[in-house]
């Protein structure tokens, strides 16, 4: 019996520890996707299910994340787009049926995020956040 569960436990351990990897590790190891699988026997019936799938680009940025409920239905789905400087440009949130729920767009000046624009599923701007930075005053001697 132990021989049967040992490979499964090892696989689950690797799946769960993979989620905690840093962006640097994801990039260096050339990981393109991490799937989290849950082994559950709390109901008395042994069940294995996918909990989460995360897809990455070549730079280690999360480009898609899908979370599933205990019945295997999508409960959260997002897609993200980055620029050449790894700035997050767009994050799209989807309903379980695959239709767009909302879209967040980000505006940058260099590496500084200047604004976040939130659009509803019809493309209407519903929220705008602006970021104002105060730089430290450096006196020359």
N, C-alpha and C. Protein backbone atom coordinates (compact mmCIF):
# COMPACT_ATOMS: atom_id res chain seq x y z
N UNK A 1 0.82 -1.19 0.00
CA UNK A 1 0.00 0.00 0.00
C UNK A 1 0.87 1.26 0.00
N UNK A 2 1.95 1.24 0.79
CA UNK A 2 2.85 2.39 0.83
C UNK A 2 3.48 2.62 -0.53
N UNK A 3 3.77 1.54 -1.26
CA UNK A 3 4.39 1.67 -2.58
C UNK A 3 3.46 2.37 -3.56
N UNK A 4 2.17 2.18 -3.40
CA UNK A 4 1.19 2.80 -4.29
C UNK A 4 1.14 4.31 -4.05
N UNK A 5 1.14 4.72 -2.79
CA UNK A 5 0.97 6.13 -2.47
C UNK A 5 2.26 6.94 -2.53
N UNK A 6 3.41 6.30 -2.43
CA UNK A 6 4.67 7.01 -2.44
C UNK A 6 4.87 7.83 -3.72
N UNK A 7 4.67 7.26 -4.91
CA UNK A 7 4.81 8.09 -6.12
C UNK A 7 3.81 9.25 -6.15
N UNK A 8 2.59 9.00 -5.70
CA UNK A 8 1.58 10.06 -5.69
C UNK A 8 1.98 11.16 -4.72
N UNK A 9 2.44 10.80 -3.54
CA UNK A 9 2.87 11.80 -2.56
C UNK A 9 4.05 12.60 -3.06
N UNK A 10 4.99 11.94 -3.70
CA UNK A 10 6.15 12.62 -4.26
C UNK A 10 5.71 13.61 -5.34
N UNK A 11 4.80 13.17 -6.21
CA UNK A 11 4.29 14.05 -7.26
C UNK A 11 3.59 15.27 -6.65
N UNK A 12 2.77 15.05 -5.63
CA UNK A 12 2.06 16.15 -4.98
C UNK A 12 3.03 17.10 -4.31
N UNK A 13 4.06 16.57 -3.66
CA UNK A 13 5.06 17.41 -3.01
C UNK A 13 5.73 18.31 -4.04
N UNK A 14 6.13 17.74 -5.16
CA UNK A 14 6.76 18.53 -6.22
C UNK A 14 5.79 19.57 -6.76
N UNK A 15 4.51 19.20 -6.92
CA UNK A 15 3.51 20.15 -7.43
C UNK A 15 3.34 21.33 -6.49
N UNK A 16 3.23 21.07 -5.19
CA UNK A 16 3.00 22.15 -4.23
C UNK A 16 4.24 23.01 -4.04
N UNK A 17 5.42 22.42 -4.02
CA UNK A 17 6.62 23.22 -3.83
C UNK A 17 6.92 24.04 -5.08
N UNK A 18 6.48 23.60 -6.24
CA UNK A 18 6.69 24.35 -7.47
C UNK A 18 5.98 25.68 -7.47
N UNK A 19 4.85 25.77 -6.81
CA UNK A 19 4.07 27.00 -6.78
C UNK A 19 4.82 28.11 -6.05
N UNK A 20 5.65 27.76 -5.09
CA UNK A 20 6.34 28.77 -4.30
C UNK A 20 7.64 29.22 -4.95
N UNK A 21 7.91 28.81 -6.15
CA UNK A 21 9.14 29.19 -6.83
C UNK A 21 9.11 30.67 -7.18
N UNK A 22 10.29 31.29 -7.12
CA UNK A 22 10.39 32.71 -7.46
C UNK A 22 10.36 32.89 -8.97
N UNK A 23 10.12 34.12 -9.38
CA UNK A 23 10.13 34.44 -10.80
C UNK A 23 11.49 34.10 -11.41
N UNK A 24 12.56 34.38 -10.66
CA UNK A 24 13.91 34.07 -11.12
C UNK A 24 14.07 32.56 -11.35
N UNK A 25 13.57 31.75 -10.40
CA UNK A 25 13.66 30.29 -10.54
C UNK A 25 12.85 29.80 -11.74
N UNK A 26 11.66 30.36 -11.91
CA UNK A 26 10.80 29.98 -13.03
C UNK A 26 11.53 30.24 -14.35
N UNK A 27 12.17 31.40 -14.45
CA UNK A 27 12.89 31.78 -15.67
C UNK A 27 14.12 30.89 -15.89
N UNK A 28 14.92 30.72 -14.84
CA UNK A 28 16.15 29.93 -14.97
C UNK A 28 15.87 28.46 -15.31
N UNK A 29 14.82 27.92 -14.75
CA UNK A 29 14.48 26.51 -14.99
C UNK A 29 13.64 26.33 -16.25
N UNK A 30 13.32 27.44 -16.92
CA UNK A 30 12.53 27.43 -18.16
C UNK A 30 11.17 26.75 -17.96
N UNK A 31 10.56 27.04 -16.82
CA UNK A 31 9.24 26.47 -16.52
C UNK A 31 8.19 27.27 -17.27
N UNK A 32 7.34 26.58 -18.00
CA UNK A 32 6.30 27.24 -18.78
C UNK A 32 4.92 27.08 -18.13
N UNK A 33 4.78 26.11 -17.23
CA UNK A 33 3.48 25.86 -16.61
C UNK A 33 3.66 25.09 -15.31
N UNK A 34 2.82 25.40 -14.34
CA UNK A 34 2.76 24.63 -13.09
C UNK A 34 1.30 24.25 -12.85
N UNK A 35 1.08 22.97 -12.65
CA UNK A 35 -0.25 22.45 -12.36
C UNK A 35 -0.25 21.95 -10.91
N UNK A 36 -1.17 22.47 -10.10
CA UNK A 36 -1.29 22.02 -8.71
C UNK A 36 -2.41 20.99 -8.66
N UNK A 37 -2.07 19.80 -8.16
CA UNK A 37 -3.03 18.71 -8.07
C UNK A 37 -3.25 18.40 -6.60
N UNK A 38 -4.51 18.22 -6.22
CA UNK A 38 -4.88 17.94 -4.83
C UNK A 38 -5.37 16.51 -4.72
N UNK A 39 -4.86 15.82 -3.73
CA UNK A 39 -5.36 14.49 -3.38
C UNK A 39 -6.24 14.68 -2.16
N UNK A 40 -7.49 14.27 -2.23
CA UNK A 40 -8.45 14.52 -1.16
C UNK A 40 -9.23 13.26 -0.84
N UNK A 41 -9.25 12.89 0.44
CA UNK A 41 -10.05 11.75 0.87
C UNK A 41 -10.89 12.11 2.10
N UNK A 42 -11.16 13.42 2.27
CA UNK A 42 -11.92 13.86 3.45
C UNK A 42 -13.34 13.34 3.46
N UNK A 43 -13.90 13.06 2.31
CA UNK A 43 -15.28 12.56 2.24
C UNK A 43 -15.33 11.04 2.36
N UNK A 44 -14.17 10.41 2.48
CA UNK A 44 -14.12 8.95 2.53
C UNK A 44 -13.90 8.35 1.16
N UNK A 45 -14.03 9.16 0.13
CA UNK A 45 -13.80 8.71 -1.24
C UNK A 45 -12.52 9.38 -1.73
N UNK A 46 -11.58 8.57 -2.20
CA UNK A 46 -10.33 9.12 -2.70
C UNK A 46 -10.58 9.84 -4.03
N UNK A 47 -10.11 11.08 -4.09
CA UNK A 47 -10.35 11.89 -5.28
C UNK A 47 -9.11 12.75 -5.56
N UNK A 48 -8.70 12.77 -6.80
CA UNK A 48 -7.61 13.62 -7.24
C UNK A 48 -8.18 14.65 -8.19
N UNK A 49 -7.80 15.91 -7.99
CA UNK A 49 -8.33 16.96 -8.85
C UNK A 49 -7.29 18.04 -9.08
N UNK A 50 -7.47 18.78 -10.15
CA UNK A 50 -6.61 19.93 -10.45
C UNK A 50 -7.15 21.11 -9.66
N UNK A 51 -6.26 21.76 -8.93
CA UNK A 51 -6.64 22.94 -8.14
C UNK A 51 -6.31 24.23 -8.90
N UNK A 52 -5.15 24.24 -9.58
CA UNK A 52 -4.70 25.47 -10.22
C UNK A 52 -3.75 25.14 -11.36
N UNK A 53 -3.81 25.95 -12.40
CA UNK A 53 -2.85 25.90 -13.50
C UNK A 53 -2.32 27.32 -13.71
N UNK A 54 -1.00 27.45 -13.72
CA UNK A 54 -0.37 28.75 -13.94
C UNK A 54 0.58 28.61 -15.12
N UNK A 55 0.42 29.47 -16.12
CA UNK A 55 1.29 29.48 -17.31
C UNK A 55 2.18 30.71 -17.27
N UNK A 56 3.43 30.54 -17.73
CA UNK A 56 4.43 31.60 -17.67
C UNK A 56 4.98 31.89 -19.06
N UNK A 57 5.48 33.13 -19.24
CA UNK A 57 6.21 33.43 -20.47
C UNK A 57 7.69 33.10 -20.24
N UNK A 58 8.53 33.37 -21.23
CA UNK A 58 9.95 33.03 -21.14
C UNK A 58 10.69 33.83 -20.07
N UNK A 59 10.11 34.96 -19.66
CA UNK A 59 10.75 35.81 -18.64
C UNK A 59 10.28 35.49 -17.23
N UNK A 60 9.40 34.49 -17.09
CA UNK A 60 8.92 34.10 -15.77
C UNK A 60 7.69 34.86 -15.30
N UNK A 61 7.09 35.65 -16.18
CA UNK A 61 5.86 36.38 -15.83
C UNK A 61 4.66 35.45 -15.95
N UNK A 62 3.72 35.59 -15.03
CA UNK A 62 2.49 34.81 -15.11
C UNK A 62 1.63 35.39 -16.23
N UNK A 63 1.34 34.58 -17.25
CA UNK A 63 0.52 35.06 -18.36
C UNK A 63 -0.90 34.51 -18.29
N UNK A 64 -1.11 33.44 -17.52
CA UNK A 64 -2.46 32.91 -17.35
C UNK A 64 -2.51 32.13 -16.03
N UNK A 65 -3.62 32.32 -15.32
CA UNK A 65 -3.84 31.57 -14.08
C UNK A 65 -5.30 31.13 -14.04
N UNK A 66 -5.49 29.84 -13.82
CA UNK A 66 -6.85 29.29 -13.73
C UNK A 66 -6.95 28.53 -12.40
N UNK A 67 -7.90 28.93 -11.57
CA UNK A 67 -8.17 28.25 -10.30
C UNK A 67 -9.48 27.50 -10.42
N UNK A 68 -9.51 26.29 -9.87
CA UNK A 68 -10.69 25.44 -9.95
C UNK A 68 -11.26 25.21 -8.56
N UNK A 69 -12.57 25.03 -8.48
CA UNK A 69 -13.19 24.67 -7.21
C UNK A 69 -13.09 23.17 -7.00
N UNK A 70 -13.63 22.68 -5.89
CA UNK A 70 -13.49 21.25 -5.56
C UNK A 70 -14.22 20.34 -6.54
N UNK A 71 -15.15 20.90 -7.31
CA UNK A 71 -15.88 20.11 -8.31
C UNK A 71 -15.23 20.17 -9.69
N UNK A 72 -14.11 20.88 -9.79
CA UNK A 72 -13.40 20.97 -11.06
C UNK A 72 -13.88 22.08 -11.97
N UNK A 73 -14.74 22.95 -11.45
CA UNK A 73 -15.24 24.07 -12.25
C UNK A 73 -14.34 25.29 -12.04
N UNK A 74 -14.20 26.09 -13.07
CA UNK A 74 -13.36 27.29 -12.99
C UNK A 74 -14.00 28.27 -12.02
N UNK A 75 -13.18 28.75 -11.04
CA UNK A 75 -13.68 29.77 -10.13
C UNK A 75 -12.96 31.10 -10.34
N UNK A 76 -11.75 31.07 -10.92
CA UNK A 76 -11.02 32.30 -11.22
C UNK A 76 -10.14 32.04 -12.43
N UNK A 77 -10.17 32.97 -13.38
CA UNK A 77 -9.35 32.84 -14.59
C UNK A 77 -8.86 34.23 -14.98
N UNK A 78 -7.55 34.38 -15.09
CA UNK A 78 -6.97 35.66 -15.51
C UNK A 78 -5.91 35.43 -16.58
N UNK A 79 -5.74 36.43 -17.44
CA UNK A 79 -4.67 36.45 -18.43
C UNK A 79 -3.96 37.79 -18.31
N UNK A 80 -2.64 37.78 -18.46
CA UNK A 80 -1.86 39.00 -18.31
C UNK A 80 -0.92 39.19 -19.50
N UNK A 81 -0.71 40.46 -19.85
CA UNK A 81 0.20 40.83 -20.94
C UNK A 81 1.23 41.80 -20.38
N UNK A 82 2.50 41.58 -20.74
CA UNK A 82 3.62 42.41 -20.25
C UNK A 82 4.34 43.05 -21.43
N UNK A 83 5.02 44.16 -21.15
CA UNK A 83 5.84 44.79 -22.19
C UNK A 83 7.27 44.23 -22.10
N UNK A 84 8.15 44.78 -22.94
CA UNK A 84 9.54 44.28 -23.00
C UNK A 84 10.32 44.55 -21.71
N UNK A 85 9.83 45.45 -20.86
CA UNK A 85 10.48 45.75 -19.58
C UNK A 85 9.87 44.95 -18.42
N UNK A 86 8.99 44.00 -18.75
CA UNK A 86 8.27 43.18 -17.76
C UNK A 86 7.23 43.98 -16.96
N UNK A 87 6.84 45.14 -17.47
CA UNK A 87 5.74 45.88 -16.85
C UNK A 87 4.42 45.21 -17.22
N UNK A 88 3.56 45.00 -16.25
CA UNK A 88 2.23 44.46 -16.52
C UNK A 88 1.42 45.52 -17.25
N UNK A 89 0.96 45.21 -18.46
CA UNK A 89 0.18 46.16 -19.25
C UNK A 89 -1.31 45.93 -19.10
N UNK A 90 -1.72 44.66 -19.16
CA UNK A 90 -3.14 44.32 -19.13
C UNK A 90 -3.36 43.04 -18.34
N UNK A 91 -4.38 43.04 -17.50
CA UNK A 91 -4.81 41.81 -16.82
C UNK A 91 -6.31 41.69 -17.07
N UNK A 92 -6.68 40.59 -17.73
CA UNK A 92 -8.08 40.33 -18.07
C UNK A 92 -8.63 39.27 -17.13
N UNK A 93 -9.79 39.56 -16.53
CA UNK A 93 -10.47 38.63 -15.63
C UNK A 93 -11.68 38.05 -16.36
N UNK A 94 -11.87 36.74 -16.24
CA UNK A 94 -12.95 36.07 -16.95
C UNK A 94 -13.97 35.46 -15.99
N UNK A 95 -15.22 35.42 -16.44
CA UNK A 95 -16.25 34.64 -15.75
C UNK A 95 -15.97 33.16 -16.01
N UNK A 96 -16.62 32.29 -15.27
CA UNK A 96 -16.44 30.84 -15.43
C UNK A 96 -16.80 30.38 -16.85
N UNK A 97 -17.71 31.09 -17.51
CA UNK A 97 -18.13 30.70 -18.86
C UNK A 97 -17.16 31.18 -19.95
N UNK A 98 -16.07 31.86 -19.54
CA UNK A 98 -15.06 32.31 -20.50
C UNK A 98 -15.25 33.72 -21.02
N UNK A 99 -16.36 34.36 -20.66
CA UNK A 99 -16.58 35.73 -21.11
C UNK A 99 -15.83 36.71 -20.19
N UNK A 100 -15.45 37.84 -20.76
CA UNK A 100 -14.68 38.83 -20.02
C UNK A 100 -15.53 39.43 -18.90
N UNK A 101 -14.95 39.47 -17.71
CA UNK A 101 -15.59 40.07 -16.54
C UNK A 101 -15.15 41.54 -16.41
N UNK A 102 -13.82 41.75 -16.45
CA UNK A 102 -13.26 43.10 -16.42
C UNK A 102 -11.84 43.05 -16.95
N UNK A 103 -11.32 44.23 -17.31
CA UNK A 103 -9.96 44.35 -17.81
C UNK A 103 -9.27 45.49 -17.07
N UNK A 104 -8.11 45.19 -16.50
CA UNK A 104 -7.28 46.22 -15.88
C UNK A 104 -6.15 46.56 -16.84
N UNK A 105 -5.98 47.85 -17.11
CA UNK A 105 -4.87 48.31 -17.96
C UNK A 105 -3.99 49.22 -17.11
N UNK A 106 -2.68 49.12 -17.35
CA UNK A 106 -1.72 49.87 -16.55
C UNK A 106 -0.90 50.77 -17.45
N UNK A 107 -0.63 52.00 -16.98
CA UNK A 107 0.12 53.00 -17.73
C UNK A 107 1.41 53.28 -16.97
N UNK A 108 2.53 53.31 -17.70
CA UNK A 108 3.84 53.51 -17.08
C UNK A 108 4.57 54.68 -17.70
N UNK A 109 5.45 55.29 -16.90
CA UNK A 109 6.47 56.19 -17.39
C UNK A 109 7.77 55.56 -16.95
N UNK A 110 8.51 55.01 -17.90
CA UNK A 110 9.69 54.22 -17.54
C UNK A 110 9.23 52.98 -16.79
N UNK A 111 9.78 52.77 -15.59
CA UNK A 111 9.39 51.63 -14.78
C UNK A 111 8.32 51.99 -13.75
N UNK A 112 7.99 53.26 -13.66
CA UNK A 112 7.01 53.69 -12.66
C UNK A 112 5.59 53.55 -13.17
N UNK A 113 4.78 52.84 -12.41
CA UNK A 113 3.37 52.70 -12.76
C UNK A 113 2.68 54.03 -12.44
N UNK A 114 2.04 54.61 -13.42
CA UNK A 114 1.41 55.91 -13.25
C UNK A 114 -0.10 55.82 -13.05
N UNK A 115 -0.72 54.79 -13.64
CA UNK A 115 -2.17 54.69 -13.52
C UNK A 115 -2.65 53.26 -13.75
N UNK A 116 -3.79 52.97 -13.14
CA UNK A 116 -4.50 51.71 -13.36
C UNK A 116 -5.91 52.08 -13.82
N UNK A 117 -6.29 51.54 -14.97
CA UNK A 117 -7.61 51.79 -15.55
C UNK A 117 -8.39 50.48 -15.54
N UNK A 118 -9.60 50.51 -14.99
CA UNK A 118 -10.42 49.30 -14.92
C UNK A 118 -11.63 49.48 -15.82
N UNK A 119 -11.81 48.51 -16.72
CA UNK A 119 -12.92 48.53 -17.66
C UNK A 119 -13.85 47.36 -17.37
N UNK A 120 -15.16 47.58 -17.52
CA UNK A 120 -16.11 46.49 -17.33
C UNK A 120 -16.15 45.61 -18.58
N UNK A 121 -17.03 44.62 -18.58
CA UNK A 121 -17.09 43.66 -19.69
C UNK A 121 -17.63 44.27 -20.98
N UNK A 122 -18.07 45.51 -20.93
CA UNK A 122 -18.54 46.20 -22.14
C UNK A 122 -17.52 47.22 -22.63
N UNK A 123 -16.37 47.28 -21.95
CA UNK A 123 -15.32 48.20 -22.36
C UNK A 123 -15.45 49.59 -21.78
N UNK A 124 -16.37 49.78 -20.83
CA UNK A 124 -16.58 51.09 -20.22
C UNK A 124 -15.61 51.27 -19.05
N UNK A 125 -14.93 52.42 -19.02
CA UNK A 125 -14.04 52.73 -17.92
C UNK A 125 -14.87 52.93 -16.65
N UNK A 126 -14.59 52.13 -15.61
CA UNK A 126 -15.36 52.20 -14.36
C UNK A 126 -14.52 52.67 -13.18
N UNK A 127 -13.20 52.65 -13.31
CA UNK A 127 -12.33 53.07 -12.21
C UNK A 127 -10.99 53.50 -12.77
N UNK A 128 -10.45 54.57 -12.20
CA UNK A 128 -9.12 55.03 -12.58
C UNK A 128 -8.35 55.36 -11.30
N UNK A 129 -7.19 54.74 -11.15
CA UNK A 129 -6.30 55.05 -10.03
C UNK A 129 -5.05 55.68 -10.60
N UNK A 130 -4.62 56.80 -10.01
CA UNK A 130 -3.38 57.43 -10.42
C UNK A 130 -2.38 57.32 -9.28
N UNK A 131 -1.12 57.16 -9.62
CA UNK A 131 -0.07 57.03 -8.64
C UNK A 131 0.83 58.27 -8.73
N UNK A 132 1.03 58.92 -7.60
CA UNK A 132 1.87 60.12 -7.55
C UNK A 132 3.08 59.79 -6.68
N UNK A 133 4.24 59.98 -7.24
CA UNK A 133 5.48 59.63 -6.55
C UNK A 133 6.18 60.88 -6.04
N UNK A 134 6.69 60.79 -4.84
CA UNK A 134 7.50 61.86 -4.29
C UNK A 134 8.90 61.29 -4.11
N UNK A 135 9.84 61.86 -4.81
CA UNK A 135 11.21 61.39 -4.72
C UNK A 135 11.92 62.05 -3.55
N UNK A 136 12.88 61.35 -3.01
CA UNK A 136 13.67 61.88 -1.89
C UNK A 136 14.50 63.05 -2.38
N UNK A 137 14.61 64.07 -1.53
CA UNK A 137 15.46 65.20 -1.83
C UNK A 137 16.88 64.86 -1.43
N UNK A 138 17.76 64.93 -2.38
CA UNK A 138 19.17 64.60 -2.11
C UNK A 138 19.97 65.89 -2.22
N UNK A 139 20.55 66.28 -1.10
CA UNK A 139 21.34 67.51 -1.08
C UNK A 139 22.80 67.20 -1.41
N UNK A 140 23.38 68.03 -2.23
CA UNK A 140 24.80 67.86 -2.56
C UNK A 140 25.61 68.70 -1.59
N UNK A 141 26.72 68.15 -1.15
CA UNK A 141 27.57 68.87 -0.20
C UNK A 141 28.62 69.67 -0.92
